[in-house]
Every structure is written in C-alpha cells, then in structure tokens.
Amino acid sequence: MANRRRGEIEAVLAGERHKLVLTLGALAELEGAFGVADLAALGRRLAAGGLSARDITHILQAGLHGAGSSLDASRLPVARALPEILRAVTELLTATFGQEEAAGGPSHAVDAARPFPWEEAMRLGFGVLRLSSRAFWGMTPRELAAASAGIYGPPRAPLSGGELAALMRAFPDDTGA
C-alpha cells in the first residue's frame, strides 16, 4: 500500500501494480535527464507542458527507481498503456509537489521562484541528522521538510507589509553621522 503522506502512489503498469515515489535521489535524476540546474527549473520545464514520450518515461522511471523497482519504464507498451502511464505520472507529480489533497494534509508546495536548496538539504541530512547517503537520497521532500520542522520548527510565513512597517518604526535605521 502506498504511503500518501510520503508522496507515494500506486499505479497499474503493464498489468502489474507498482509503487512510485520521487525521492531526493529520483528528483536529482530528473534534473539530469531534463538537463536543468535545479528543481525550480525542473518545475518550470514541467509546467511549460509539451512533454514528449521520452520525458514521460523519464518521470515514470525516476518514480520507479525512487520506490526501489527495477522495472524498465522504456519497455512498457506506451501506445497501449498511455492513459494509465499519464495518469500515474500526473498523480506522482501531484503527490510529490504538494497539493493538499494529494496527502490529505497541509500543502508542501514548492516555491518555483527559488532553486531547491540542495546544499542546505545535504547539511541538514548529513550534518545534523547524520543520515547515510542511502537514507538521505531515499527521503522524499515531504520527509525532509518534516525532519527540518522537527528540528527548527515549522516554516514561518514572510512578514506582511504591515508587520515590516511596524518593525521599521520600532527599529529605525540610524542615519546620524
């Protein structure tokens, strides 16, 4: 059974049930496959649409790899199984990139304006959590976010304009010479 809180899905591919999940390692694999520098660029590339059959196969393969499957997605009968493959890829991307209904909980949407902080993530995983490489790259973004929140507290929303103005009044810049 798929763990939706982790971002896992189940899909029937070539008549067999498979688990798929985009772990940090699988997402790094997709960055390479799509020739992009970071997750924000990958998100823009996916959002632009016009995905080729090769692109869909890369996403499907990364999801299978993330779940530990050795199934070769390029060997699936794409013409015959296209609807189930597209449904699986759509569900996988939704589960990974944080629509609230995908996990039955709060949204963990990716900020497409900022590159994914790989260096910070690795410092947290390796330096603070002392994870093995295998454990770190096997984590999902949701798991990494939960670990970070457990240590540093939940992410804070940016200050509103009113809050910033109040701070500026309370702590004006010293402009004296």
Protein backbone atom coordinates (compact mmCIF):
# COMPACT_ATOMS: atom_id res chain seq x y z
CA MET A 1 0.00 0.00 0.00
CA ALA A 2 1.27 3.45 -0.92
CA ASN A 3 2.13 5.87 1.88
CA ARG A 4 0.40 9.06 0.68
CA ARG A 5 1.97 11.12 3.48
CA ARG A 6 5.36 10.26 1.99
CA GLY A 7 4.23 11.12 -1.54
CA GLU A 8 4.00 7.53 -2.74
CA ILE A 9 1.42 6.37 -5.25
CA GLU A 10 0.38 3.02 -6.65
CA ALA A 11 -0.16 2.50 -10.36
CA VAL A 12 -1.00 -0.43 -12.56
CA LEU A 13 1.63 -0.64 -15.30
CA ALA A 14 1.66 -3.44 -17.84
CA GLY A 15 -0.99 -5.21 -15.81
CA GLU A 16 1.03 -5.18 -12.56
CA ARG A 17 0.68 -2.95 -9.51
CA HIS A 18 3.76 -0.81 -8.81
CA LYS A 19 4.66 1.74 -6.17
CA LEU A 20 6.19 5.03 -7.35
CA VAL A 21 7.78 7.86 -5.35
CA LEU A 22 10.03 10.75 -6.25
CA THR A 23 12.74 10.70 -3.62
CA LEU A 24 15.52 13.30 -3.44
CA GLY A 25 17.69 10.91 -5.46
CA ALA A 26 14.96 10.44 -8.07
CA LEU A 27 14.49 14.21 -8.33
CA ALA A 28 18.24 14.68 -8.84
CA GLU A 29 17.99 12.00 -11.55
CA LEU A 30 15.22 14.01 -13.23
CA GLU A 31 17.28 17.21 -13.10
CA GLY A 32 19.95 15.38 -15.07
CA ALA A 33 17.52 13.77 -17.50
CA PHE A 34 15.89 17.12 -18.29
CA GLY A 35 19.22 19.00 -18.37
CA VAL A 36 18.17 21.57 -15.77
CA ALA A 37 20.15 23.08 -12.91
CA ASP A 38 17.65 22.70 -10.06
CA LEU A 39 14.14 21.74 -9.01
CA ALA A 40 12.75 25.20 -9.75
CA ALA A 41 13.95 24.88 -13.36
CA LEU A 42 12.53 21.35 -13.49
CA GLY A 43 9.19 22.67 -12.23
CA ARG A 44 9.17 25.38 -14.89
CA ARG A 45 10.02 22.80 -17.55
CA LEU A 46 7.20 20.50 -16.43
CA ALA A 47 4.72 23.37 -16.12
CA ALA A 48 5.51 24.55 -19.65
CA GLY A 49 3.83 21.42 -20.98
CA GLY A 50 4.66 19.78 -24.25
CA LEU A 51 6.24 16.77 -22.61
CA SER A 52 7.49 14.12 -25.01
CA ALA A 53 7.07 10.38 -24.59
CA ARG A 54 10.74 10.32 -23.52
CA ASP A 55 10.02 12.96 -20.84
CA ILE A 56 7.06 10.94 -19.52
CA THR A 57 9.24 7.81 -19.49
CA HIS A 58 11.98 9.66 -17.52
CA ILE A 59 9.47 10.75 -14.87
CA LEU A 60 7.95 7.28 -14.65
CA GLN A 61 11.41 5.67 -14.41
CA ALA A 62 12.50 8.07 -11.67
CA GLY A 63 9.34 7.25 -9.69
CA LEU A 64 10.00 3.53 -10.07
CA HIS A 65 13.66 3.97 -9.04
CA GLY A 66 12.57 6.03 -6.02
CA ALA A 67 10.38 3.12 -4.92
CA GLY A 68 13.18 0.60 -5.45
CA SER A 69 11.69 -1.04 -8.53
CA SER A 70 13.88 -2.48 -11.27
CA LEU A 71 11.11 -2.26 -13.90
CA ASP A 72 12.42 -0.63 -17.08
CA ALA A 73 9.83 2.01 -18.00
CA SER A 74 11.16 2.22 -21.55
CA ARG A 75 9.97 -1.37 -22.13
CA LEU A 76 6.34 -0.60 -21.27
CA PRO A 77 3.91 -0.70 -24.20
CA VAL A 78 3.43 3.08 -24.27
CA ALA A 79 0.94 3.12 -27.15
CA ARG A 80 -1.34 0.62 -25.41
CA ALA A 81 -0.80 1.88 -21.86
CA LEU A 82 -0.61 5.64 -22.45
CA PRO A 83 -3.72 6.56 -20.40
CA GLU A 84 -2.53 4.60 -17.34
CA ILE A 85 1.02 5.96 -17.71
CA LEU A 86 -0.18 9.56 -17.98
CA ARG A 87 -2.50 9.07 -15.01
CA ALA A 88 0.40 7.62 -12.97
CA VAL A 89 2.79 10.45 -13.89
CA THR A 90 0.18 13.12 -13.14
CA GLU A 91 -0.64 11.55 -9.78
CA LEU A 92 3.06 11.14 -8.96
CA LEU A 93 3.87 14.80 -9.69
CA THR A 94 0.84 15.94 -7.70
CA ALA A 95 1.79 13.74 -4.73
CA THR A 96 5.39 14.98 -4.83
CA PHE A 97 4.92 18.68 -5.33
CA GLY A 98 2.36 19.14 -2.68
CA GLN A 99 -1.26 19.60 -3.49
CA GLU A 100 -3.10 19.37 -0.18
CA GLU A 101 -5.50 16.70 -1.39
CA ALA A 102 -2.59 14.51 -2.53
CA ALA A 103 -1.51 13.75 1.01
CA GLY A 104 -4.70 14.50 2.89
CA GLY A 105 -2.87 17.17 4.84
CA PRO A 106 -1.24 20.57 4.58
CA SER A 107 0.25 21.76 1.34
CA HIS A 108 4.01 21.47 0.85
CA ALA A 109 4.10 23.34 -2.43
CA VAL A 110 7.47 24.07 -3.98
CA ASP A 111 8.38 27.75 -4.35
CA ALA A 112 9.14 27.81 -8.06
CA ALA A 113 10.84 31.20 -7.76
CA ARG A 114 13.67 29.79 -5.65
CA PRO A 115 16.05 26.99 -6.57
CA PHE A 116 15.86 23.94 -4.34
CA PRO A 117 18.44 24.43 -1.55
CA TRP A 118 20.41 21.23 -2.19
CA GLU A 119 23.38 22.41 -0.08
CA GLU A 120 21.15 23.22 2.90
CA ALA A 121 19.29 19.95 2.49
CA MET A 122 22.55 17.98 2.45
CA ARG A 123 23.88 19.88 5.50
CA LEU A 124 20.68 19.01 7.37
CA GLY A 125 20.66 15.39 6.22
CA PHE A 126 24.32 14.57 6.61
CA GLY A 127 25.50 17.07 9.24
CA VAL A 128 22.54 17.43 11.58
CA LEU A 129 20.57 14.23 11.11
CA ARG A 130 23.72 12.16 10.40
CA LEU A 131 21.97 10.17 7.69
CA SER A 132 23.78 7.76 5.44
CA SER A 133 23.91 8.71 1.77
CA ARG A 134 21.42 5.96 1.00
CA ALA A 135 18.98 7.16 3.66
CA PHE A 136 19.27 10.81 2.58
CA TRP A 137 18.76 10.21 -1.14
CA GLY A 138 15.92 7.83 -0.31
CA MET A 139 13.98 10.55 1.52
CA THR A 140 11.11 12.40 -0.10
CA PRO A 141 10.85 16.20 0.01
CA ARG A 142 7.94 15.80 2.45
CA GLU A 143 10.09 13.72 4.81
CA LEU A 144 12.95 16.22 4.63
CA ALA A 145 10.53 19.09 5.37
CA ALA A 146 9.13 17.20 8.37
CA ALA A 147 12.63 16.49 9.71
CA SER A 148 13.58 20.13 9.30
CA ALA A 149 10.40 21.30 11.05
CA GLY A 150 11.09 18.86 13.90
CA ILE A 151 14.46 20.47 14.50
CA TYR A 152 13.94 24.11 13.54
CA GLY A 153 10.17 24.47 13.94
CA PRO A 154 7.63 24.95 11.19
CA PRO A 155 8.50 27.32 8.39
CA ARG A 156 7.45 30.89 9.06
CA ALA A 157 5.45 32.94 6.62
CA PRO A 158 7.21 36.06 5.34
CA LEU A 159 6.41 39.30 7.12
CA SER A 160 3.40 41.19 5.82
CA GLY A 161 3.81 44.79 4.70
CA GLY A 162 2.19 45.99 7.95
CA GLU A 163 4.50 43.87 10.11
CA LEU A 164 7.55 45.14 8.25
CA ALA A 165 6.38 48.76 8.62
CA ALA A 166 5.86 48.25 12.37
CA LEU A 167 9.37 46.84 12.75
CA MET A 168 10.82 49.73 10.75
CA ARG A 169 9.05 52.21 13.05
CA ALA A 170 10.19 50.37 16.17
CA PHE A 171 13.78 50.00 14.96
CA PRO A 172 14.57 52.87 12.56
CA ASP A 173 17.88 52.90 10.71
CA ASP A 174 20.46 55.07 12.41
CA THR A 175 21.14 57.77 9.86
CA GLY A 176 23.13 60.04 12.18
CA ALA A 177 26.65 60.92 11.16
